[in-house]
Amino acid sequence: MADLQIIRIDDAKALVRVGVPDPERATPQEVRISVTLALSEPPHFPRCDRIGETVDYDRIIHFIRDDLGEPAHLIETLSDRVAGHCLSLSPRARWVEVTVKKPSVLSGDGVVAVTIRRER
């Protein structure tokens, strides 16, 4: 098995218009997005201590906060958009797992979440 470098971002907040009924999409809602990105062939970082040797996680966070795109009916669509972006960041990206949580769906305790995994 090849060595992998794993980058994780947990519960990044985004305000998005998401929901099946039109009134639900009328107002931005908070979602929380977690990403696990696997990169193959990690360099020996003590010798290669440069951002160019990895994926700049700020590019993932910026996409989540600012570039999720048009309103969506499903949080699955948001997951897919984030996954596609992450895989496009590096030819070393092997797989990505994205979880989108939508706290506003359930009243009381609990959170609705969807996780997708995409592989190159």
PDB file of N, CA and C in Angstrom:
ATOM      1  N   MET A   1       0.849  -1.175   0.000  1.00  0.00           N
ATOM      2  CA  MET A   1       0.000   0.000   0.000  1.00  0.00           C
ATOM      3  C   MET A   1       0.893   1.237   0.000  1.00  0.00           C
ATOM      4  N   ALA A   2       0.550   2.210  -0.816  1.00  0.00           N
ATOM      5  CA  ALA A   2       1.314   3.435  -0.920  1.00  0.00           C
ATOM      6  C   ALA A   2       1.080   4.322   0.298  1.00  0.00           C
ATOM      7  N   ASP A   3       2.105   5.120   0.597  1.00  0.00           N
ATOM      8  CA  ASP A   3       1.956   6.095   1.672  1.00  0.00           C
ATOM      9  C   ASP A   3       0.962   7.167   1.253  1.00  0.00           C
ATOM     10  N   LEU A   4       0.197   7.635   2.216  1.00  0.00           N
ATOM     11  CA  LEU A   4      -0.760   8.705   1.961  1.00  0.00           C
ATOM     12  C   LEU A   4      -0.542   9.832   2.961  1.00  0.00           C
ATOM     13  N   GLN A   5      -0.804  11.026   2.511  1.00  0.00           N
ATOM     14  CA  GLN A   5      -0.881  12.195   3.381  1.00  0.00           C
ATOM     15  C   GLN A   5      -2.361  12.517   3.499  1.00  0.00           C
ATOM     16  N   ILE A   6      -2.870  12.662   4.693  1.00  0.00           N
ATOM     17  CA  ILE A   6      -4.284  12.948   4.914  1.00  0.00           C
ATOM     18  C   ILE A   6      -4.426  14.376   5.437  1.00  0.00           C
ATOM     19  N   ILE A   7      -5.257  15.158   4.763  1.00  0.00           N
ATOM     20  CA  ILE A   7      -5.582  16.510   5.207  1.00  0.00           C
ATOM     21  C   ILE A   7      -7.027  16.480   5.672  1.00  0.00           C
ATOM     22  N   ARG A   8      -7.275  17.005   6.869  1.00  0.00           N
ATOM     23  CA  ARG A   8      -8.637  17.038   7.419  1.00  0.00           C
ATOM     24  C   ARG A   8      -9.030  18.463   7.766  1.00  0.00           C
ATOM     25  N   ILE A   9     -10.253  18.778   7.455  1.00  0.00           N
ATOM     26  CA  ILE A   9     -10.883  20.018   7.896  1.00  0.00           C
ATOM     27  C   ILE A   9     -12.194  19.594   8.525  1.00  0.00           C
ATOM     28  N   ASP A  10     -12.432  20.011   9.746  1.00  0.00           N
ATOM     29  CA  ASP A  10     -13.639  19.590  10.457  1.00  0.00           C
ATOM     30  C   ASP A  10     -14.566  20.765  10.718  1.00  0.00           C
ATOM     31  N   ASP A  11     -15.814  20.603  10.304  1.00  0.00           N
ATOM     32  CA  ASP A  11     -16.906  21.520  10.637  1.00  0.00           C
ATOM     33  C   ASP A  11     -16.665  22.978  10.241  1.00  0.00           C
ATOM     34  N   ALA A  12     -16.148  23.193   9.029  1.00  0.00           N
ATOM     35  CA  ALA A  12     -16.044  24.564   8.513  1.00  0.00           C
ATOM     36  C   ALA A  12     -17.453  25.086   8.261  1.00  0.00           C
ATOM     37  N   LYS A  13     -17.720  26.313   8.707  1.00  0.00           N
ATOM     38  CA  LYS A  13     -19.056  26.890   8.569  1.00  0.00           C
ATOM     39  C   LYS A  13     -19.216  27.560   7.213  1.00  0.00           C
ATOM     40  N   ALA A  14     -20.409  27.402   6.645  1.00  0.00           N
ATOM     41  CA  ALA A  14     -20.765  28.097   5.414  1.00  0.00           C
ATOM     42  C   ALA A  14     -22.226  28.502   5.492  1.00  0.00           C
ATOM     43  N   LEU A  15     -22.550  29.648   4.921  1.00  0.00           N
ATOM     44  CA  LEU A  15     -23.937  30.078   4.794  1.00  0.00           C
ATOM     45  C   LEU A  15     -24.349  29.855   3.350  1.00  0.00           C
ATOM     46  N   VAL A  16     -25.354  29.003   3.161  1.00  0.00           N
ATOM     47  CA  VAL A  16     -25.781  28.633   1.812  1.00  0.00           C
ATOM     48  C   VAL A  16     -27.299  28.605   1.732  1.00  0.00           C
ATOM     49  N   ARG A  17     -27.769  28.724   0.521  1.00  0.00           N
ATOM     50  CA  ARG A  17     -29.197  28.561   0.257  1.00  0.00           C
ATOM     51  C   ARG A  17     -29.397  27.114  -0.182  1.00  0.00           C
ATOM     52  N   VAL A  18     -29.985  26.329   0.718  1.00  0.00           N
ATOM     53  CA  VAL A  18     -30.166  24.905   0.447  1.00  0.00           C
ATOM     54  C   VAL A  18     -31.474  24.442   1.057  1.00  0.00           C
ATOM     55  N   GLY A  19     -32.177  23.580   0.339  1.00  0.00           N
ATOM     56  CA  GLY A  19     -33.428  23.022   0.835  1.00  0.00           C
ATOM     57  C   GLY A  19     -34.336  22.667  -0.320  1.00  0.00           C
ATOM     58  N   VAL A  20     -35.214  21.733  -0.093  1.00  0.00           N
ATOM     59  CA  VAL A  20     -36.129  21.288  -1.151  1.00  0.00           C
ATOM     60  C   VAL A  20     -37.222  22.330  -1.415  1.00  0.00           C
ATOM     61  N   PRO A  21     -37.968  22.794  -0.407  1.00  0.00           N
ATOM     62  CA  PRO A  21     -39.001  23.796  -0.706  1.00  0.00           C
ATOM     63  C   PRO A  21     -38.387  25.183  -0.950  1.00  0.00           C
ATOM     64  N   ASP A  22     -38.999  25.939  -1.834  1.00  0.00           N
ATOM     65  CA  ASP A  22     -38.511  27.289  -2.153  1.00  0.00           C
ATOM     66  C   ASP A  22     -38.335  28.170  -0.917  1.00  0.00           C
ATOM     67  N   PRO A  23     -39.294  28.189   0.025  1.00  0.00           N
ATOM     68  CA  PRO A  23     -39.108  29.051   1.204  1.00  0.00           C
ATOM     69  C   PRO A  23     -37.860  28.700   2.022  1.00  0.00           C
ATOM     70  N   GLU A  24     -37.493  27.435   2.020  1.00  0.00           N
ATOM     71  CA  GLU A  24     -36.304  27.032   2.784  1.00  0.00           C
ATOM     72  C   GLU A  24     -35.033  27.575   2.135  1.00  0.00           C
ATOM     73  N   ARG A  25     -35.020  27.667   0.808  1.00  0.00           N
ATOM     74  CA  ARG A  25     -33.864  28.197   0.090  1.00  0.00           C
ATOM     75  C   ARG A  25     -33.845  29.726   0.055  1.00  0.00           C
ATOM     76  N   ALA A  26     -34.902  30.367   0.489  1.00  0.00           N
ATOM     77  CA  ALA A  26     -35.001  31.831   0.402  1.00  0.00           C
ATOM     78  C   ALA A  26     -33.982  32.546   1.280  1.00  0.00           C
ATOM     79  N   THR A  27     -33.593  31.926   2.372  1.00  0.00           N
ATOM     80  CA  THR A  27     -32.665  32.532   3.325  1.00  0.00           C
ATOM     81  C   THR A  27     -31.445  31.635   3.493  1.00  0.00           C
ATOM     82  N   PRO A  28     -30.251  32.201   3.494  1.00  0.00           N
ATOM     83  CA  PRO A  28     -29.068  31.371   3.734  1.00  0.00           C
ATOM     84  C   PRO A  28     -29.134  30.687   5.096  1.00  0.00           C
ATOM     85  N   GLN A  29     -28.688  29.448   5.110  1.00  0.00           N
ATOM     86  CA  GLN A  29     -28.650  28.650   6.329  1.00  0.00           C
ATOM     87  C   GLN A  29     -27.222  28.208   6.587  1.00  0.00           C
ATOM     88  N   GLU A  30     -26.901  28.014   7.848  1.00  0.00           N
ATOM     89  CA  GLU A  30     -25.577  27.523   8.178  1.00  0.00           C
ATOM     90  C   GLU A  30     -25.510  26.017   7.955  1.00  0.00           C
ATOM     91  N   VAL A  31     -24.443  25.596   7.278  1.00  0.00           N
ATOM     92  CA  VAL A  31     -24.091  24.184   7.197  1.00  0.00           C
ATOM     93  C   VAL A  31     -22.660  24.067   7.698  1.00  0.00           C
ATOM     94  N   ARG A  32     -22.310  22.883   8.109  1.00  0.00           N
ATOM     95  CA  ARG A  32     -20.941  22.601   8.549  1.00  0.00           C
ATOM     96  C   ARG A  32     -20.382  21.517   7.648  1.00  0.00           C
ATOM     97  N   ILE A  33     -19.200  21.762   7.141  1.00  0.00           N
ATOM     98  CA  ILE A  33     -18.613  20.867   6.147  1.00  0.00           C
ATOM     99  C   ILE A  33     -17.268  20.358   6.650  1.00  0.00           C
ATOM    100  N   SER A  34     -17.117  19.036   6.582  1.00  0.00           N
ATOM    101  CA  SER A  34     -15.857  18.385   6.941  1.00  0.00           C
ATOM    102  C   SER A  34     -15.296  17.697   5.713  1.00  0.00           C
ATOM    103  N   VAL A  35     -13.976  17.753   5.586  1.00  0.00           N
ATOM    104  CA  VAL A  35     -13.286  17.188   4.427  1.00  0.00           C
ATOM    105  C   VAL A  35     -12.138  16.327   4.921  1.00  0.00           C
ATOM    106  N   THR A  36     -11.991  15.158   4.319  1.00  0.00           N
ATOM    107  CA  THR A  36     -10.792  14.342   4.490  1.00  0.00           C
ATOM    108  C   THR A  36     -10.258  14.073   3.094  1.00  0.00           C
ATOM    109  N   LEU A  37      -9.066  14.570   2.823  1.00  0.00           N
ATOM    110  CA  LEU A  37      -8.454  14.481   1.498  1.00  0.00           C
ATOM    111  C   LEU A  37      -7.180  13.671   1.586  1.00  0.00           C
ATOM    112  N   ALA A  38      -7.062  12.628   0.754  1.00  0.00           N
ATOM    113  CA  ALA A  38      -5.873  11.774   0.748  1.00  0.00           C
ATOM    114  C   ALA A  38      -5.006  12.103  -0.454  1.00  0.00           C
ATOM    115  N   LEU A  39      -3.746  12.383  -0.186  1.00  0.00           N
ATOM    116  CA  LEU A  39      -2.760  12.660  -1.232  1.00  0.00           C
ATOM    117  C   LEU A  39      -1.747  11.535  -1.258  1.00  0.00           C
ATOM    118  N   SER A  40      -1.425  11.053  -2.442  1.00  0.00           N
ATOM    119  CA  SER A  40      -0.444   9.981  -2.567  1.00  0.00           C
ATOM    120  C   SER A  40       0.970  10.553  -2.577  1.00  0.00           C
ATOM    121  N   GLU A  41       1.928   9.690  -2.341  1.00  0.00           N
ATOM    122  CA  GLU A  41       3.347  10.000  -2.428  1.00  0.00           C
ATOM    123  C   GLU A  41       3.751  11.271  -1.684  1.00  0.00           C
ATOM    124  N   PRO A  42       3.476  11.327  -0.385  1.00  0.00           N
ATOM    125  CA  PRO A  42       3.880  12.531   0.357  1.00  0.00           C
ATOM    126  C   PRO A  42       5.400  12.661   0.386  1.00  0.00           C
ATOM    127  N   PRO A  43       5.885  13.882   0.244  1.00  0.00           N
ATOM    128  CA  PRO A  43       7.334  14.088   0.328  1.00  0.00           C
ATOM    129  C   PRO A  43       7.815  13.959   1.764  1.00  0.00           C
ATOM    130  N   HIS A  44       9.112  13.942   1.904  1.00  0.00           N
ATOM    131  CA  HIS A  44       9.721  13.935   3.232  1.00  0.00           C
ATOM    132  C   HIS A  44       9.711  15.391   3.715  1.00  0.00           C
ATOM    133  N   PHE A  45       8.735  15.728   4.556  1.00  0.00           N
ATOM    134  CA  PHE A  45       8.497  17.129   4.892  1.00  0.00           C
ATOM    135  C   PHE A  45       9.644  17.848   5.597  1.00  0.00           C
ATOM    136  N   PRO A  46      10.440  17.207   6.437  1.00  0.00           N
ATOM    137  CA  PRO A  46      11.564  17.977   7.004  1.00  0.00           C
ATOM    138  C   PRO A  46      12.483  18.564   5.919  1.00  0.00           C
ATOM    139  N   ARG A  47      12.600  17.877   4.778  1.00  0.00           N
ATOM    140  CA  ARG A  47      13.425  18.403   3.673  1.00  0.00           C
ATOM    141  C   ARG A  47      12.613  19.283   2.736  1.00  0.00           C
ATOM    142  N   CYS A  48      11.301  19.095   2.700  1.00  0.00           N
ATOM    143  CA  CYS A  48      10.428  19.795   1.740  1.00  0.00           C
ATOM    144  C   CYS A  48       9.379  20.599   2.487  1.00  0.00           C
ATOM    145  N   ASP A  49       9.800  21.488   3.312  1.00  0.00           N
ATOM    146  CA  ASP A  49       8.908  22.254   4.175  1.00  0.00           C
ATOM    147  C   ASP A  49       8.366  23.472   3.423  1.00  0.00           C
ATOM    148  N   ARG A  50       7.587  23.195   2.345  1.00  0.00           N
ATOM    149  CA  ARG A  50       7.023  24.263   1.521  1.00  0.00           C
ATOM    150  C   ARG A  50       5.574  23.930   1.202  1.00  0.00           C
ATOM    151  N   ILE A  51       4.740  24.959   1.100  1.00  0.00           N
ATOM    152  CA  ILE A  51       3.313  24.771   0.821  1.00  0.00           C
ATOM    153  C   ILE A  51       3.098  24.092  -0.533  1.00  0.00           C
ATOM    154  N   GLY A  52       4.003  24.298  -1.463  1.00  0.00           N
ATOM    155  CA  GLY A  52       3.879  23.676  -2.780  1.00  0.00           C
ATOM    156  C   GLY A  52       3.992  22.161  -2.752  1.00  0.00           C
ATOM    157  N   GLU A  53       4.426  21.616  -1.636  1.00  0.00           N
ATOM    158  CA  GLU A  53       4.554  20.165  -1.509  1.00  0.00           C
ATOM    159  C   GLU A  53       3.264  19.497  -1.056  1.00  0.00           C
ATOM    160  N   THR A  54       2.270  20.296  -0.754  1.00  0.00           N
ATOM    161  CA  THR A  54       1.002  19.767  -0.250  1.00  0.00           C
ATOM    162  C   THR A  54      -0.141  20.552  -0.873  1.00  0.00           C
ATOM    163  N   VAL A  55      -1.334  20.374  -0.366  1.00  0.00           N
ATOM    164  CA  VAL A  55      -2.485  21.170  -0.785  1.00  0.00           C
ATOM    165  C   VAL A  55      -2.714  22.236   0.280  1.00  0.00           C
ATOM    166  N   ASP A  56      -2.817  23.462  -0.154  1.00  0.00           N
ATOM    167  CA  ASP A  56      -3.073  24.574   0.761  1.00  0.00           C
ATOM    168  C   ASP A  56      -4.521  24.465   1.243  1.00  0.00           C
ATOM    169  N   TYR A  57      -4.720  24.126   2.496  1.00  0.00           N
ATOM    170  CA  TYR A  57      -6.083  23.921   3.012  1.00  0.00           C
ATOM    171  C   TYR A  57      -6.895  25.206   2.993  1.00  0.00           C
ATOM    172  N   ASP A  58      -6.236  26.361   2.930  1.00  0.00           N
ATOM    173  CA  ASP A  58      -6.982  27.619   2.797  1.00  0.00           C
ATOM    174  C   ASP A  58      -7.801  27.641   1.506  1.00  0.00           C
ATOM    175  N   ARG A  59      -7.319  26.986   0.464  1.00  0.00           N
ATOM    176  CA  ARG A  59      -8.075  26.930  -0.800  1.00  0.00           C
ATOM    177  C   ARG A  59      -9.361  26.116  -0.636  1.00  0.00           C
ATOM    178  N   ILE A  60      -9.329  25.121   0.228  1.00  0.00           N
ATOM    179  CA  ILE A  60     -10.531  24.333   0.503  1.00  0.00           C
ATOM    180  C   ILE A  60     -11.500  25.156   1.355  1.00  0.00           C
ATOM    181  N   ILE A  61     -10.982  25.777   2.395  1.00  0.00           N
ATOM    182  CA  ILE A  61     -11.837  26.574   3.283  1.00  0.00           C
ATOM    183  C   ILE A  61     -12.458  27.746   2.529  1.00  0.00           C
ATOM    184  N   HIS A  62     -11.683  28.418   1.695  1.00  0.00           N
ATOM    185  CA  HIS A  62     -12.216  29.532   0.901  1.00  0.00           C
ATOM    186  C   HIS A  62     -13.359  29.052   0.003  1.00  0.00           C
ATOM    187  N   PHE A  63     -13.179  27.909  -0.636  1.00  0.00           N
ATOM    188  CA  PHE A  63     -14.234  27.369  -1.500  1.00  0.00           C
ATOM    189  C   PHE A  63     -15.505  27.098  -0.690  1.00  0.00           C
ATOM    190  N   ILE A  64     -15.341  26.494   0.468  1.00  0.00           N
ATOM    191  CA  ILE A  64     -16.493  26.181   1.321  1.00  0.00           C
ATOM    192  C   ILE A  64     -17.213  27.464   1.741  1.00  0.00           C
ATOM    193  N   ARG A  65     -16.489  28.457   2.150  1.00  0.00           N
ATOM    194  CA  ARG A  65     -17.102  29.686   2.674  1.00  0.00           C
ATOM    195  C   ARG A  65     -17.632  30.612   1.596  1.00  0.00           C
ATOM    196  N   ASP A  66     -16.974  30.636   0.432  1.00  0.00           N
ATOM    197  CA  ASP A  66     -17.270  31.684  -0.544  1.00  0.00           C
ATOM    198  C   ASP A  66     -17.707  31.215  -1.930  1.00  0.00           C
ATOM    199  N   ASP A  67     -17.468  29.968  -2.285  1.00  0.00           N
ATOM    200  CA  ASP A  67     -17.649  29.573  -3.681  1.00  0.00           C
ATOM    201  C   ASP A  67     -18.495  28.316  -3.898  1.00  0.00           C
ATOM    202  N   LEU A  68     -19.399  28.010  -3.004  1.00  0.00           N
ATOM    203  CA  LEU A  68     -20.211  26.803  -3.179  1.00  0.00           C
ATOM    204  C   LEU A  68     -21.186  26.897  -4.346  1.00  0.00           C
ATOM    205  N   GLY A  69     -21.385  28.079  -4.846  1.00  0.00           N
ATOM    206  CA  GLY A  69     -22.180  28.228  -6.063  1.00  0.00           C
ATOM    207  C   GLY A  69     -23.642  28.487  -5.821  1.00  0.00           C
ATOM    208  N   GLU A  70     -24.411  28.164  -6.838  1.00  0.00           N
ATOM    209  CA  GLU A  70     -25.851  28.416  -6.857  1.00  0.00           C
ATOM    210  C   GLU A  70     -26.560  27.692  -5.720  1.00  0.00           C
ATOM    211  N   PRO A  71     -27.749  28.178  -5.351  1.00  0.00           N
ATOM    212  CA  PRO A  71     -28.545  27.447  -4.364  1.00  0.00           C
ATOM    213  C   PRO A  71     -28.754  25.995  -4.797  1.00  0.00           C
ATOM    214  N   ALA A  72     -28.901  25.132  -3.824  1.00  0.00           N
ATOM    215  CA  ALA A  72     -29.081  23.706  -4.097  1.00  0.00           C
ATOM    216  C   ALA A  72     -30.293  23.186  -3.344  1.00  0.00           C
ATOM    217  N   HIS A  73     -30.899  22.163  -3.895  1.00  0.00           N
ATOM    218  CA  HIS A  73     -31.988  21.499  -3.190  1.00  0.00           C
ATOM    219  C   HIS A  73     -31.454  20.570  -2.100  1.00  0.00           C
ATOM    220  N   LEU A  74     -30.321  19.928  -2.379  1.00  0.00           N
ATOM    221  CA  LEU A  74     -29.834  18.851  -1.510  1.00  0.00           C
ATOM    222  C   LEU A  74     -28.444  19.148  -0.964  1.00  0.00           C
ATOM    223  N   ILE A  75     -28.205  18.734   0.281  1.00  0.00           N
ATOM    224  CA  ILE A  75     -26.856  18.849   0.815  1.00  0.00           C
ATOM    225  C   ILE A  75     -25.914  17.877   0.103  1.00  0.00           C
ATOM    226  N   GLU A  76     -26.457  16.856  -0.528  1.00  0.00           N
ATOM    227  CA  GLU A  76     -25.651  15.955  -1.338  1.00  0.00           C
ATOM    228  C   GLU A  76     -24.974  16.714  -2.484  1.00  0.00           C
ATOM    229  N   THR A  77     -25.693  17.676  -3.048  1.00  0.00           N
ATOM    230  CA  THR A  77     -25.138  18.496  -4.133  1.00  0.00           C
ATOM    231  C   THR A  77     -23.972  19.326  -3.621  1.00  0.00           C
ATOM    232  N   LEU A  78     -24.115  19.896  -2.427  1.00  0.00           N
ATOM    233  CA  LEU A  78     -23.016  20.667  -1.842  1.00  0.00           C
ATOM    234  C   LEU A  78     -21.802  19.770  -1.606  1.00  0.00           C
ATOM    235  N   SER A  79     -22.037  18.561  -1.110  1.00  0.00           N
ATOM    236  CA  SER A  79     -20.941  17.607  -0.885  1.00  0.00           C
ATOM    237  C   SER A  79     -20.199  17.322  -2.169  1.00  0.00           C
ATOM    238  N   ASP A  80     -20.944  17.110  -3.239  1.00  0.00           N
ATOM    239  CA  ASP A  80     -20.338  16.802  -4.535  1.00  0.00           C
ATOM    240  C   ASP A  80     -19.512  17.973  -5.056  1.00  0.00           C
ATOM    241  N   ARG A  81     -19.995  19.187  -4.881  1.00  0.00           N
ATOM    242  CA  ARG A  81     -19.250  20.374  -5.325  1.00  0.00           C
ATOM    243  C   ARG A  81     -17.913  20.483  -4.582  1.00  0.00           C
ATOM    244  N   VAL A  82     -17.944  20.278  -3.280  1.00  0.00           N
ATOM    245  CA  VAL A  82     -16.717  20.365  -2.486  1.00  0.00           C
ATOM    246  C   VAL A  82     -15.753  19.249  -2.892  1.00  0.00           C
ATOM    247  N   ALA A  83     -16.270  18.049  -3.086  1.00  0.00           N
ATOM    248  CA  ALA A  83     -15.417  16.920  -3.470  1.00  0.00           C
ATOM    249  C   ALA A  83     -14.722  17.193  -4.804  1.00  0.00           C
ATOM    250  N   GLY A  84     -15.475  17.681  -5.777  1.00  0.00           N
ATOM    251  CA  GLY A  84     -14.884  17.990  -7.080  1.00  0.00           C
ATOM    252  C   GLY A  84     -13.788  19.034  -6.973  1.00  0.00           C
ATOM    253  N   HIS A  85     -14.031  20.051  -6.172  1.00  0.00           N
ATOM    254  CA  HIS A  85     -13.018  21.095  -5.973  1.00  0.00           C
ATOM    255  C   HIS A  85     -11.755  20.497  -5.356  1.00  0.00           C
ATOM    256  N   CYS A  86     -11.916  19.703  -4.318  1.00  0.00           N
ATOM    257  CA  CYS A  86     -10.758  19.129  -3.631  1.00  0.00           C
ATOM    258  C   CYS A  86      -9.925  18.250  -4.557  1.00  0.00           C
ATOM    259  N   LEU A  87     -10.581  17.422  -5.353  1.00  0.00           N
ATOM    260  CA  LEU A  87      -9.843  16.544  -6.265  1.00  0.00           C
ATOM    261  C   LEU A  87      -9.115  17.329  -7.350  1.00  0.00           C
ATOM    262  N   SER A  88      -9.618  18.530  -7.664  1.00  0.00           N
ATOM    263  CA  SER A  88      -8.985  19.339  -8.707  1.00  0.00           C
ATOM    264  C   SER A  88      -7.729  20.065  -8.219  1.00  0.00           C
ATOM    265  N   LEU A  89      -7.474  20.069  -6.926  1.00  0.00           N
ATOM    266  CA  LEU A  89      -6.376  20.857  -6.374  1.00  0.00           C
ATOM    267  C   LEU A  89      -4.995  20.256  -6.594  1.00  0.00           C
ATOM    268  N   SER A  90      -4.934  18.951  -6.832  1.00  0.00           N
ATOM    269  CA  SER A  90      -3.625  18.320  -6.976  1.00  0.00           C
ATOM    270  C   SER A  90      -3.752  17.002  -7.742  1.00  0.00           C
ATOM    271  N   PRO A  91      -2.799  16.726  -8.632  1.00  0.00           N
ATOM    272  CA  PRO A  91      -2.799  15.412  -9.283  1.00  0.00           C
ATOM    273  C   PRO A  91      -2.505  14.280  -8.301  1.00  0.00           C
ATOM    274  N   ARG A  92      -1.977  14.618  -7.128  1.00  0.00           N
ATOM    275  CA  ARG A  92      -1.709  13.613  -6.090  1.00  0.00           C
ATOM    276  C   ARG A  92      -2.956  13.249  -5.299  1.00  0.00           C
ATOM    277  N   ALA A  93      -4.056  14.009  -5.473  1.00  0.00           N
ATOM    278  CA  ALA A  93      -5.296  13.722  -4.734  1.00  0.00           C
ATOM    279  C   ALA A  93      -5.834  12.369  -5.190  1.00  0.00           C
ATOM    280  N   ARG A  94      -5.969  11.445  -4.268  1.00  0.00           N
ATOM    281  CA  ARG A  94      -6.445  10.090  -4.593  1.00  0.00           C
ATOM    282  C   ARG A  94      -7.921   9.926  -4.283  1.00  0.00           C
ATOM    283  N   TRP A  95      -8.338  10.400  -3.127  1.00  0.00           N
ATOM    284  CA  TRP A  95      -9.756  10.319  -2.758  1.00  0.00           C
ATOM    285  C   TRP A  95     -10.066  11.439  -1.788  1.00  0.00           C
ATOM    286  N   VAL A  96     -11.354  11.729  -1.719  1.00  0.00           N
ATOM    287  CA  VAL A  96     -11.822  12.746  -0.785  1.00  0.00           C
ATOM    288  C   VAL A  96     -13.141  12.277  -0.202  1.00  0.00           C
ATOM    289  N   GLU A  97     -13.335  12.558   1.056  1.00  0.00           N
ATOM    290  CA  GLU A  97     -14.599  12.273   1.729  1.00  0.00           C
ATOM    291  C   GLU A  97     -15.109  13.598   2.276  1.00  0.00           C
ATOM    292  N   VAL A  98     -16.351  13.928   1.952  1.00  0.00           N
ATOM    293  CA  VAL A  98     -16.942  15.206   2.360  1.00  0.00           C
ATOM    294  C   VAL A  98     -18.238  14.930   3.112  1.00  0.00           C
ATOM    295  N   THR A  99     -18.361  15.532   4.288  1.00  0.00           N
ATOM    296  CA  THR A  99     -19.586  15.450   5.078  1.00  0.00           C
ATOM    297  C   THR A  99     -20.168  16.843   5.210  1.00  0.00           C
ATOM    298  N   VAL A 100     -21.452  16.972   4.888  1.00  0.00           N
ATOM    299  CA  VAL A 100     -22.171  18.226   5.082  1.00  0.00           C
ATOM    300  C   VAL A 100     -23.229  17.981   6.144  1.00  0.00           C
ATOM    301  N   LYS A 101     -23.201  18.810   7.180  1.00  0.00           N
ATOM    302  CA  LYS A 101     -24.185  18.742   8.257  1.00  0.00           C
ATOM    303  C   LYS A 101     -25.101  19.957   8.152  1.00  0.00           C
ATOM    304  N   LYS A 102     -26.390  19.709   8.317  1.00  0.00           N
ATOM    305  CA  LYS A 102     -27.373  20.786   8.270  1.00  0.00           C
ATOM    306  C   LYS A 102     -28.139  20.780   9.595  1.00  0.00           C
ATOM    307  N   PRO A 103     -27.665  21.596  10.553  1.00  0.00           N
ATOM    308  CA  PRO A 103     -28.271  21.572  11.887  1.00  0.00           C
ATOM    309  C   PRO A 103     -29.726  22.014  11.928  1.00  0.00           C
ATOM    310  N   SER A 104     -30.167  22.832  10.993  1.00  0.00           N
ATOM    311  CA  SER A 104     -31.505  23.424  11.081  1.00  0.00           C
ATOM    312  C   SER A 104     -32.640  22.472  10.699  1.00  0.00           C
ATOM    313  N   VAL A 105     -32.340  21.298  10.215  1.00  0.00           N
ATOM    314  CA  VAL A 105     -33.387  20.398   9.730  1.00  0.00           C
ATOM    315  C   VAL A 105     -34.220  19.819  10.860  1.00  0.00           C
ATOM    316  N   LEU A 106     -33.566  19.390  11.912  1.00  0.00           N
ATOM    317  CA  LEU A 106     -34.265  18.741  13.017  1.00  0.00           C
ATOM    318  C   LEU A 106     -34.540  19.734  14.130  1.00  0.00           C
ATOM    319  N   SER A 107     -35.711  19.666  14.698  1.00  0.00           N
ATOM    320  CA  SER A 107     -35.968  20.476  15.886  1.00  0.00           C
ATOM    321  C   SER A 107     -35.499  19.657  17.090  1.00  0.00           C
ATOM    322  N   GLY A 108     -34.903  20.336  18.028  1.00  0.00           N
ATOM    323  CA  GLY A 108     -34.384  19.629  19.200  1.00  0.00           C
ATOM    324  C   GLY A 108     -32.990  19.089  18.925  1.00  0.00           C
ATOM    325  N   ASP A 109     -32.702  17.940  19.501  1.00  0.00           N
ATOM    326  CA  ASP A 109     -31.379  17.346  19.363  1.00  0.00           C
ATOM    327  C   ASP A 109     -31.211  16.681  18.011  1.00  0.00           C
ATOM    328  N   GLY A 110     -29.986  16.629  17.561  1.00  0.00           N
ATOM    329  CA  GLY A 110     -29.659  15.910  16.341  1.00  0.00           C
ATOM    330  C   GLY A 110     -29.296  16.835  15.192  1.00  0.00           C
ATOM    331  N   VAL A 111     -28.577  16.266  14.258  1.00  0.00           N
ATOM    332  CA  VAL A 111     -28.116  16.972  13.072  1.00  0.00           C
ATOM    333  C   VAL A 111     -28.234  16.016  11.892  1.00  0.00           C
ATOM    334  N   VAL A 112     -28.753  16.503  10.785  1.00  0.00           N
ATOM    335  CA  VAL A 112     -28.782  15.718   9.559  1.00  0.00           C
ATOM    336  C   VAL A 112     -27.432  15.885   8.868  1.00  0.00           C
ATOM    337  N   ALA A 113     -26.849  14.797   8.387  1.00  0.00           N
ATOM    338  CA  ALA A 113     -25.567  14.860   7.714  1.00  0.00           C
ATOM    339  C   ALA A 113     -25.548  13.878   6.540  1.00  0.00           C
ATOM    340  N   VAL A 114     -24.800  14.241   5.517  1.00  0.00           N
ATOM    341  CA  VAL A 114     -24.582  13.382   4.355  1.00  0.00           C
ATOM    342  C   VAL A 114     -23.075  13.317   4.118  1.00  0.00           C
ATOM    343  N   THR A 115     -22.584  12.127   3.860  1.00  0.00           N
ATOM    344  CA  THR A 115     -21.171  11.933   3.536  1.00  0.00           C
ATOM    345  C   THR A 115     -21.068  11.272   2.173  1.00  0.00           C
ATOM    346  N   ILE A 116     -20.182  11.828   1.331  1.00  0.00           N
ATOM    347  CA  ILE A 116     -19.881  11.190   0.055  1.00  0.00           C
ATOM    348  C   ILE A 116     -18.369  10.972  -0.028  1.00  0.00           C
ATOM    349  N   ARG A 117     -17.983  10.007  -0.809  1.00  0.00           N
ATOM    350  CA  ARG A 117     -16.561   9.738  -1.065  1.00  0.00           C
ATOM    351  C   ARG A 117     -16.378   9.653  -2.569  1.00  0.00           C
ATOM    352  N   ARG A 118     -15.398  10.401  -3.068  1.00  0.00           N
ATOM    353  CA  ARG A 118     -15.070  10.384  -4.492  1.00  0.00           C
ATOM    354  C   ARG A 118     -13.615   9.974  -4.624  1.00  0.00           C
ATOM    355  N   GLU A 119     -13.335   9.154  -5.630  1.00  0.00           N
ATOM    356  CA  GLU A 119     -11.966   8.713  -5.892  1.00  0.00           C
ATOM    357  C   GLU A 119     -11.564   9.125  -7.290  1.00  0.00           C
ATOM    358  N   ARG A 120     -10.290   9.358  -7.437  1.00  0.00           N
ATOM    359  CA  ARG A 120      -9.760   9.701  -8.753  1.00  0.00           C
ATOM    360  C   ARG A 120      -9.645   8.457  -9.584  1.00  0.00           C
TER     361      ARG A 120
END
